Amino acid sequence: MNKDRIEGKAKDIAGRIERQAGEWTGDTNAQVKGAAKQIEGKVQNALGQAKDATKKAADRAKASKPPQPVPVDVDSEESADEKRRSRR
């Protein structure tokens, strides 16, 4: 969970509270401000979710790369062949 998701959720909740308070008091200005803040919070939360999904996909792609081949040391291979020949 990233910063955008946390801040977005906080704005969403604050907007709901402000909108509801405006409904209870009959203050249409507070209702509009609360609804706007609520929408802003939902958009920011969605942006944070998209960032999380992108990061998770990148992490999965990075983890699923095939292992890189280990370079073969030619000298060691020749030494092994010589040891096998000398045992015969």
PDB file of N, CA and C in Angstrom:
ATOM      1  N   MET A   1       0.857  -1.171   0.000  1.00  0.00           N
ATOM      2  CA  MET A   1       0.000   0.000   0.000  1.00  0.00           C
ATOM      3  C   MET A   1       0.899   1.229   0.000  1.00  0.00           C
ATOM      4  N   ASN A   2       0.623   2.133  -0.905  1.00  0.00           N
ATOM      5  CA  ASN A   2       1.480   3.311  -1.007  1.00  0.00           C
ATOM      6  C   ASN A   2       0.796   4.561  -0.454  1.00  0.00           C
ATOM      7  N   LYS A   3       1.547   5.648  -0.493  1.00  0.00           N
ATOM      8  CA  LYS A   3       1.098   6.925   0.086  1.00  0.00           C
ATOM      9  C   LYS A   3      -0.189   7.429  -0.571  1.00  0.00           C
ATOM     10  N   ASP A   4      -0.310   7.285  -1.896  1.00  0.00           N
ATOM     11  CA  ASP A   4      -1.507   7.762  -2.591  1.00  0.00           C
ATOM     12  C   ASP A   4      -2.770   7.049  -2.118  1.00  0.00           C
ATOM     13  N   ARG A   5      -2.664   5.764  -1.884  1.00  0.00           N
ATOM     14  CA  ARG A   5      -3.850   5.020  -1.435  1.00  0.00           C
ATOM     15  C   ARG A   5      -4.290   5.472  -0.051  1.00  0.00           C
ATOM     16  N   ILE A   6      -3.326   5.695   0.821  1.00  0.00           N
ATOM     17  CA  ILE A   6      -3.647   6.117   2.193  1.00  0.00           C
ATOM     18  C   ILE A   6      -4.265   7.517   2.193  1.00  0.00           C
ATOM     19  N   GLU A   7      -3.600   8.448   1.489  1.00  0.00           N
ATOM     20  CA  GLU A   7      -4.127   9.822   1.437  1.00  0.00           C
ATOM     21  C   GLU A   7      -5.473   9.865   0.727  1.00  0.00           C
ATOM     22  N   GLY A   8      -5.630   9.077  -0.316  1.00  0.00           N
ATOM     23  CA  GLY A   8      -6.899   9.041  -1.048  1.00  0.00           C
ATOM     24  C   GLY A   8      -8.039   8.553  -0.170  1.00  0.00           C
ATOM     25  N   LYS A   9      -7.772   7.512   0.587  1.00  0.00           N
ATOM     26  CA  LYS A   9      -8.813   6.977   1.476  1.00  0.00           C
ATOM     27  C   LYS A   9      -9.170   8.003   2.550  1.00  0.00           C
ATOM     28  N   ALA A  10      -8.155   8.704   3.065  1.00  0.00           N
ATOM     29  CA  ALA A  10      -8.409   9.726   4.085  1.00  0.00           C
ATOM     30  C   ALA A  10      -9.274  10.855   3.524  1.00  0.00           C
ATOM     31  N   LYS A  11      -8.976  11.301   2.287  1.00  0.00           N
ATOM     32  CA  LYS A  11      -9.780  12.360   1.662  1.00  0.00           C
ATOM     33  C   LYS A  11     -11.206  11.873   1.398  1.00  0.00           C
ATOM     34  N   ASP A  12     -11.328  10.631   0.986  1.00  0.00           N
ATOM     35  CA  ASP A  12     -12.654  10.060   0.723  1.00  0.00           C
ATOM     36  C   ASP A  12     -13.503  10.087   2.004  1.00  0.00           C
ATOM     37  N   ILE A  13     -12.912   9.642   3.082  1.00  0.00           N
ATOM     38  CA  ILE A  13     -13.641   9.617   4.365  1.00  0.00           C
ATOM     39  C   ILE A  13     -13.968  11.027   4.835  1.00  0.00           C
ATOM     40  N   ALA A  14     -12.985  11.932   4.743  1.00  0.00           N
ATOM     41  CA  ALA A  14     -13.224  13.316   5.161  1.00  0.00           C
ATOM     42  C   ALA A  14     -14.325  13.951   4.310  1.00  0.00           C
ATOM     43  N   GLY A  15     -14.327  13.652   3.019  1.00  0.00           N
ATOM     44  CA  GLY A  15     -15.368  14.181   2.133  1.00  0.00           C
ATOM     45  C   GLY A  15     -16.742  13.635   2.482  1.00  0.00           C
ATOM     46  N   ARG A  16     -16.788  12.355   2.817  1.00  0.00           N
ATOM     47  CA  ARG A  16     -18.084  11.764   3.219  1.00  0.00           C
ATOM     48  C   ARG A  16     -18.628  12.451   4.469  1.00  0.00           C
ATOM     49  N   ILE A  17     -17.727  12.677   5.433  1.00  0.00           N
ATOM     50  CA  ILE A  17     -18.147  13.325   6.683  1.00  0.00           C
ATOM     51  C   ILE A  17     -18.644  14.742   6.406  1.00  0.00           C
ATOM     52  N   GLU A  18     -17.878  15.484   5.587  1.00  0.00           N
ATOM     53  CA  GLU A  18     -18.267  16.867   5.278  1.00  0.00           C
ATOM     54  C   GLU A  18     -19.593  16.902   4.510  1.00  0.00           C
ATOM     55  N   ARG A  19     -19.755  16.006   3.557  1.00  0.00           N
ATOM     56  CA  ARG A  19     -21.003  15.959   2.775  1.00  0.00           C
ATOM     57  C   ARG A  19     -22.191  15.608   3.670  1.00  0.00           C
ATOM     58  N   GLN A  20     -21.986  14.624   4.545  1.00  0.00           N
ATOM     59  CA  GLN A  20     -23.067  14.210   5.443  1.00  0.00           C
ATOM     60  C   GLN A  20     -23.430  15.327   6.415  1.00  0.00           C
ATOM     61  N   ALA A  21     -22.422  16.027   6.939  1.00  0.00           N
ATOM     62  CA  ALA A  21     -22.688  17.145   7.846  1.00  0.00           C
ATOM     63  C   ALA A  21     -23.470  18.238   7.119  1.00  0.00           C
ATOM     64  N   GLY A  22     -23.122  18.460   5.850  1.00  0.00           N
ATOM     65  CA  GLY A  22     -23.860  19.443   5.056  1.00  0.00           C
ATOM     66  C   GLY A  22     -25.306  19.031   4.852  1.00  0.00           C
ATOM     67  N   GLU A  23     -25.546  17.735   4.673  1.00  0.00           N
ATOM     68  CA  GLU A  23     -26.926  17.261   4.521  1.00  0.00           C
ATOM     69  C   GLU A  23     -27.708  17.453   5.815  1.00  0.00           C
ATOM     70  N   TRP A  24     -27.082  17.165   6.959  1.00  0.00           N
ATOM     71  CA  TRP A  24     -27.771  17.292   8.230  1.00  0.00           C
ATOM     72  C   TRP A  24     -28.099  18.744   8.562  1.00  0.00           C
ATOM     73  N   THR A  25     -27.199  19.652   8.184  1.00  0.00           N
ATOM     74  CA  THR A  25     -27.414  21.054   8.515  1.00  0.00           C
ATOM     75  C   THR A  25     -28.117  21.818   7.399  1.00  0.00           C
ATOM     76  N   GLY A  26     -28.274  21.183   6.230  1.00  0.00           N
ATOM     77  CA  GLY A  26     -28.914  21.847   5.104  1.00  0.00           C
ATOM     78  C   GLY A  26     -27.967  22.798   4.375  1.00  0.00           C
ATOM     79  N   ASP A  27     -26.672  22.669   4.597  1.00  0.00           N
ATOM     80  CA  ASP A  27     -25.665  23.531   3.975  1.00  0.00           C
ATOM     81  C   ASP A  27     -25.231  22.903   2.645  1.00  0.00           C
ATOM     82  N   THR A  28     -25.782  23.424   1.542  1.00  0.00           N
ATOM     83  CA  THR A  28     -25.464  22.845   0.225  1.00  0.00           C
ATOM     84  C   THR A  28     -24.009  23.086  -0.161  1.00  0.00           C
ATOM     85  N   ASN A  29     -23.431  24.186   0.294  1.00  0.00           N
ATOM     86  CA  ASN A  29     -22.027  24.460   0.002  1.00  0.00           C
ATOM     87  C   ASN A  29     -21.136  23.365   0.610  1.00  0.00           C
ATOM     88  N   ALA A  30     -21.387  22.980   1.833  1.00  0.00           N
ATOM     89  CA  ALA A  30     -20.622  21.924   2.499  1.00  0.00           C
ATOM     90  C   ALA A  30     -20.855  20.586   1.802  1.00  0.00           C
ATOM     91  N   GLN A  31     -22.075  20.357   1.334  1.00  0.00           N
ATOM     92  CA  GLN A  31     -22.378  19.111   0.620  1.00  0.00           C
ATOM     93  C   GLN A  31     -21.541  19.016  -0.663  1.00  0.00           C
ATOM     94  N   VAL A  32     -21.481  20.125  -1.395  1.00  0.00           N
ATOM     95  CA  VAL A  32     -20.731  20.150  -2.657  1.00  0.00           C
ATOM     96  C   VAL A  32     -19.232  19.988  -2.391  1.00  0.00           C
ATOM     97  N   LYS A  33     -18.713  20.714  -1.402  1.00  0.00           N
ATOM     98  CA  LYS A  33     -17.290  20.603  -1.069  1.00  0.00           C
ATOM     99  C   LYS A  33     -16.958  19.177  -0.612  1.00  0.00           C
ATOM    100  N   GLY A  34     -17.819  18.606   0.176  1.00  0.00           N
ATOM    101  CA  GLY A  34     -17.600  17.241   0.658  1.00  0.00           C
ATOM    102  C   GLY A  34     -17.620  16.225  -0.476  1.00  0.00           C
ATOM    103  N   ALA A  35     -18.574  16.391  -1.394  1.00  0.00           N
ATOM    104  CA  ALA A  35     -18.651  15.473  -2.534  1.00  0.00           C
ATOM    105  C   ALA A  35     -17.412  15.616  -3.416  1.00  0.00           C
ATOM    106  N   ALA A  36     -16.933  16.832  -3.602  1.00  0.00           N
ATOM    107  CA  ALA A  36     -15.729  17.057  -4.413  1.00  0.00           C
ATOM    108  C   ALA A  36     -14.510  16.421  -3.760  1.00  0.00           C
ATOM    109  N   LYS A  37     -14.395  16.586  -2.449  1.00  0.00           N
ATOM    110  CA  LYS A  37     -13.272  15.993  -1.723  1.00  0.00           C
ATOM    111  C   LYS A  37     -13.353  14.466  -1.775  1.00  0.00           C
ATOM    112  N   GLN A  38     -14.560  13.960  -1.707  1.00  0.00           N
ATOM    113  CA  GLN A  38     -14.774  12.514  -1.769  1.00  0.00           C
ATOM    114  C   GLN A  38     -14.322  11.972  -3.134  1.00  0.00           C
ATOM    115  N   ILE A  39     -14.682  12.660  -4.198  1.00  0.00           N
ATOM    116  CA  ILE A  39     -14.277  12.237  -5.550  1.00  0.00           C
ATOM    117  C   ILE A  39     -12.763  12.322  -5.691  1.00  0.00           C
ATOM    118  N   GLU A  40     -12.189  13.410  -5.199  1.00  0.00           N
ATOM    119  CA  GLU A  40     -10.732  13.564  -5.259  1.00  0.00           C
ATOM    120  C   GLU A  40     -10.037  12.402  -4.539  1.00  0.00           C
ATOM    121  N   GLY A  41     -10.571  12.018  -3.403  1.00  0.00           N
ATOM    122  CA  GLY A  41     -10.006  10.894  -2.651  1.00  0.00           C
ATOM    123  C   GLY A  41     -10.126   9.579  -3.400  1.00  0.00           C
ATOM    124  N   LYS A  42     -11.261   9.359  -4.042  1.00  0.00           N
ATOM    125  CA  LYS A  42     -11.449   8.123  -4.808  1.00  0.00           C
ATOM    126  C   LYS A  42     -10.478   8.050  -5.993  1.00  0.00           C
ATOM    127  N   VAL A  43     -10.273   9.189  -6.659  1.00  0.00           N
ATOM    128  CA  VAL A  43      -9.339   9.221  -7.797  1.00  0.00           C
ATOM    129  C   VAL A  43      -7.913   8.960  -7.313  1.00  0.00           C
ATOM    130  N   GLN A  44      -7.517   9.599  -6.222  1.00  0.00           N
ATOM    131  CA  GLN A  44      -6.172   9.405  -5.694  1.00  0.00           C
ATOM    132  C   GLN A  44      -5.968   7.956  -5.237  1.00  0.00           C
ATOM    133  N   ASN A  45      -6.982   7.374  -4.635  1.00  0.00           N
ATOM    134  CA  ASN A  45      -6.905   5.982  -4.204  1.00  0.00           C
ATOM    135  C   ASN A  45      -6.757   5.063  -5.420  1.00  0.00           C
ATOM    136  N   ALA A  46      -7.514   5.333  -6.480  1.00  0.00           N
ATOM    137  CA  ALA A  46      -7.412   4.525  -7.695  1.00  0.00           C
ATOM    138  C   ALA A  46      -6.026   4.656  -8.324  1.00  0.00           C
ATOM    139  N   LEU A  47      -5.466   5.854  -8.297  1.00  0.00           N
ATOM    140  CA  LEU A  47      -4.113   6.063  -8.810  1.00  0.00           C
ATOM    141  C   LEU A  47      -3.108   5.235  -8.007  1.00  0.00           C
ATOM    142  N   GLY A  48      -3.271   5.237  -6.711  1.00  0.00           N
ATOM    143  CA  GLY A  48      -2.392   4.440  -5.849  1.00  0.00           C
ATOM    144  C   GLY A  48      -2.526   2.952  -6.128  1.00  0.00           C
ATOM    145  N   GLN A  49      -3.745   2.488  -6.381  1.00  0.00           N
ATOM    146  CA  GLN A  49      -3.950   1.082  -6.708  1.00  0.00           C
ATOM    147  C   GLN A  49      -3.269   0.731  -8.029  1.00  0.00           C
ATOM    148  N   ALA A  50      -3.350   1.634  -8.998  1.00  0.00           N
ATOM    149  CA  ALA A  50      -2.700   1.394 -10.288  1.00  0.00           C
ATOM    150  C   ALA A  50      -1.183   1.337 -10.120  1.00  0.00           C
ATOM    151  N   LYS A  51      -0.635   2.222  -9.301  1.00  0.00           N
ATOM    152  CA  LYS A  51       0.810   2.201  -9.044  1.00  0.00           C
ATOM    153  C   LYS A  51       1.215   0.886  -8.382  1.00  0.00           C
ATOM    154  N   ASP A  52       0.416   0.437  -7.404  1.00  0.00           N
ATOM    155  CA  ASP A  52       0.716  -0.824  -6.730  1.00  0.00           C
ATOM    156  C   ASP A  52       0.675  -1.991  -7.711  1.00  0.00           C
ATOM    157  N   ALA A  53      -0.331  -2.010  -8.579  1.00  0.00           N
ATOM    158  CA  ALA A  53      -0.460  -3.092  -9.550  1.00  0.00           C
ATOM    159  C   ALA A  53       0.714  -3.093 -10.526  1.00  0.00           C
ATOM    160  N   THR A  54       1.138  -1.909 -10.955  1.00  0.00           N
ATOM    161  CA  THR A  54       2.270  -1.804 -11.867  1.00  0.00           C
ATOM    162  C   THR A  54       3.544  -2.295 -11.201  1.00  0.00           C
ATOM    163  N   LYS A  55       3.751  -1.893  -9.956  1.00  0.00           N
ATOM    164  CA  LYS A  55       4.948  -2.321  -9.231  1.00  0.00           C
ATOM    165  C   LYS A  55       4.935  -3.826  -9.023  1.00  0.00           C
ATOM    166  N   LYS A  56       3.775  -4.369  -8.673  1.00  0.00           N
ATOM    167  CA  LYS A  56       3.671  -5.807  -8.447  1.00  0.00           C
ATOM    168  C   LYS A  56       3.954  -6.580  -9.734  1.00  0.00           C
ATOM    169  N   ALA A  57       3.434  -6.098 -10.857  1.00  0.00           N
ATOM    170  CA  ALA A  57       3.678  -6.759 -12.142  1.00  0.00           C
ATOM    171  C   ALA A  57       5.157  -6.693 -12.519  1.00  0.00           C
ATOM    172  N   ALA A  58       5.785  -5.558 -12.268  1.00  0.00           N
ATOM    173  CA  ALA A  58       7.215  -5.420 -12.569  1.00  0.00           C
ATOM    174  C   ALA A  58       8.042  -6.355 -11.690  1.00  0.00           C
ATOM    175  N   ASP A  59       7.660  -6.466 -10.423  1.00  0.00           N
ATOM    176  CA  ASP A  59       8.372  -7.370  -9.515  1.00  0.00           C
ATOM    177  C   ASP A  59       8.225  -8.816  -9.968  1.00  0.00           C
ATOM    178  N   ARG A  60       7.011  -9.190 -10.394  1.00  0.00           N
ATOM    179  CA  ARG A  60       6.786 -10.559 -10.885  1.00  0.00           C
ATOM    180  C   ARG A  60       7.601 -10.827 -12.143  1.00  0.00           C
ATOM    181  N   ALA A  61       7.637  -9.859 -13.045  1.00  0.00           N
ATOM    182  CA  ALA A  61       8.389 -10.027 -14.291  1.00  0.00           C
ATOM    183  C   ALA A  61       9.881 -10.149 -13.992  1.00  0.00           C
ATOM    184  N   LYS A  62      10.358  -9.375 -13.051  1.00  0.00           N
ATOM    185  CA  LYS A  62      11.772  -9.424 -12.693  1.00  0.00           C
ATOM    186  C   LYS A  62      12.110 -10.769 -12.055  1.00  0.00           C
ATOM    187  N   ALA A  63      11.209 -11.277 -11.232  1.00  0.00           N
ATOM    188  CA  ALA A  63      11.450 -12.544 -10.538  1.00  0.00           C
ATOM    189  C   ALA A  63      11.350 -13.740 -11.479  1.00  0.00           C
ATOM    190  N   SER A  64      10.619 -13.615 -12.563  1.00  0.00           N
ATOM    191  CA  SER A  64      10.412 -14.769 -13.438  1.00  0.00           C
ATOM    192  C   SER A  64      11.421 -14.858 -14.576  1.00  0.00           C
ATOM    193  N   LYS A  65      12.447 -14.008 -14.572  1.00  0.00           N
ATOM    194  CA  LYS A  65      13.472 -14.085 -15.608  1.00  0.00           C
ATOM    195  C   LYS A  65      14.224 -15.405 -15.462  1.00  0.00           C
ATOM    196  N   PRO A  66      14.556 -16.044 -16.586  1.00  0.00           N
ATOM    197  CA  PRO A  66      15.296 -17.302 -16.490  1.00  0.00           C
ATOM    198  C   PRO A  66      16.709 -17.047 -15.963  1.00  0.00           C
ATOM    199  N   PRO A  67      17.270 -18.034 -15.299  1.00  0.00           N
ATOM    200  CA  PRO A  67      18.614 -17.843 -14.773  1.00  0.00           C
ATOM    201  C   PRO A  67      19.617 -17.651 -15.906  1.00  0.00           C
ATOM    202  N   GLN A  68      20.590 -16.822 -15.664  1.00  0.00           N
ATOM    203  CA  GLN A  68      21.609 -16.547 -16.661  1.00  0.00           C
ATOM    204  C   GLN A  68      22.628 -17.686 -16.658  1.00  0.00           C
ATOM    205  N   PRO A  69      23.119 -18.068 -17.835  1.00  0.00           N
ATOM    206  CA  PRO A  69      24.101 -19.157 -17.884  1.00  0.00           C
ATOM    207  C   PRO A  69      25.405 -18.746 -17.205  1.00  0.00           C
ATOM    208  N   VAL A  70      26.007 -19.707 -16.558  1.00  0.00           N
ATOM    209  CA  VAL A  70      27.268 -19.459 -15.874  1.00  0.00           C
ATOM    210  C   VAL A  70      28.384 -19.634 -16.894  1.00  0.00           C
ATOM    211  N   PRO A  71      29.286 -18.671 -16.986  1.00  0.00           N
ATOM    212  CA  PRO A  71      30.367 -18.827 -17.959  1.00  0.00           C
ATOM    213  C   PRO A  71      31.240 -20.026 -17.601  1.00  0.00           C
ATOM    214  N   VAL A  72      31.601 -20.774 -18.615  1.00  0.00           N
ATOM    215  CA  VAL A  72      32.420 -21.965 -18.412  1.00  0.00           C
ATOM    216  C   VAL A  72      33.884 -21.569 -18.474  1.00  0.00           C
ATOM    217  N   ASP A  73      34.617 -22.013 -17.498  1.00  0.00           N
ATOM    218  CA  ASP A  73      36.048 -21.751 -17.447  1.00  0.00           C
ATOM    219  C   ASP A  73      36.747 -22.809 -18.298  1.00  0.00           C
ATOM    220  N   VAL A  74      37.296 -22.418 -19.420  1.00  0.00           N
ATOM    221  CA  VAL A  74      37.909 -23.353 -20.364  1.00  0.00           C
ATOM    222  C   VAL A  74      39.095 -24.052 -19.736  1.00  0.00           C
ATOM    223  N   ASP A  75      39.873 -23.342 -18.942  1.00  0.00           N
ATOM    224  CA  ASP A  75      41.048 -23.946 -18.315  1.00  0.00           C
ATOM    225  C   ASP A  75      40.648 -25.083 -17.388  1.00  0.00           C
ATOM    226  N   SER A  76      39.600 -24.883 -16.620  1.00  0.00           N
ATOM    227  CA  SER A  76      39.149 -25.919 -15.695  1.00  0.00           C
ATOM    228  C   SER A  76      38.656 -27.135 -16.451  1.00  0.00           C
ATOM    229  N   GLU A  77      37.982 -26.910 -17.569  1.00  0.00           N
ATOM    230  CA  GLU A  77      37.475 -28.018 -18.367  1.00  0.00           C
ATOM    231  C   GLU A  77      38.642 -28.827 -18.945  1.00  0.00           C
ATOM    232  N   GLU A  78      39.684 -28.148 -19.418  1.00  0.00           N
ATOM    233  CA  GLU A  78      40.848 -28.848 -19.951  1.00  0.00           C
ATOM    234  C   GLU A  78      41.559 -29.621 -18.846  1.00  0.00           C
ATOM    235  N   SER A  79      41.638 -29.050 -17.649  1.00  0.00           N
ATOM    236  CA  SER A  79      42.274 -29.731 -16.528  1.00  0.00           C
ATOM    237  C   SER A  79      41.502 -30.992 -16.168  1.00  0.00           C
ATOM    238  N   ALA A  80      40.209 -30.921 -16.212  1.00  0.00           N
ATOM    239  CA  ALA A  80      39.386 -32.086 -15.906  1.00  0.00           C
ATOM    240  C   ALA A  80      39.603 -33.179 -16.941  1.00  0.00           C
ATOM    241  N   ASP A  81      39.716 -32.793 -18.218  1.00  0.00           N
ATOM    242  CA  ASP A  81      39.977 -33.774 -19.273  1.00  0.00           C
ATOM    243  C   ASP A  81      41.336 -34.440 -19.065  1.00  0.00           C
ATOM    244  N   GLU A  82      42.334 -33.649 -18.688  1.00  0.00           N
ATOM    245  CA  GLU A  82      43.664 -34.206 -18.450  1.00  0.00           C
ATOM    246  C   GLU A  82      43.648 -35.184 -17.289  1.00  0.00           C
ATOM    247  N   LYS A  83      42.914 -34.857 -16.235  1.00  0.00           N
ATOM    248  CA  LYS A  83      42.826 -35.761 -15.072  1.00  0.00           C
ATOM    249  C   LYS A  83      42.166 -37.078 -15.476  1.00  0.00           C
ATOM    250  N   ARG A  84      41.120 -37.000 -16.304  1.00  0.00           N
ATOM    251  CA  ARG A  84      40.445 -38.219 -16.754  1.00  0.00           C
ATOM    252  C   ARG A  84      41.400 -39.065 -17.599  1.00  0.00           C
ATOM    253  N   ARG A  85      42.159 -38.428 -18.453  1.00  0.00           N
ATOM    254  CA  ARG A  85      43.097 -39.158 -19.314  1.00  0.00           C
ATOM    255  C   ARG A  85      44.201 -39.822 -18.494  1.00  0.00           C
ATOM    256  N   SER A  86      44.656 -39.131 -17.474  1.00  0.00           N
ATOM    257  CA  SER A  86      45.758 -39.682 -16.676  1.00  0.00           C
ATOM    258  C   SER A  86      45.312 -40.864 -15.832  1.00  0.00           C
ATOM    259  N   ARG A  87      44.053 -40.966 -15.521  1.00  0.00           N
ATOM    260  CA  ARG A  87      43.514 -42.074 -14.715  1.00  0.00           C
ATOM    261  C   ARG A  87      43.442 -43.359 -15.545  1.00  0.00           C
ATOM    262  N   ARG A  88      43.430 -43.248 -16.831  1.00  0.00           N
ATOM    263  CA  ARG A  88      43.271 -44.418 -17.705  1.00  0.00           C
ATOM    264  C   ARG A  88      44.489 -45.200 -17.763  1.00  0.00           C
TER     265      ARG A  88
END
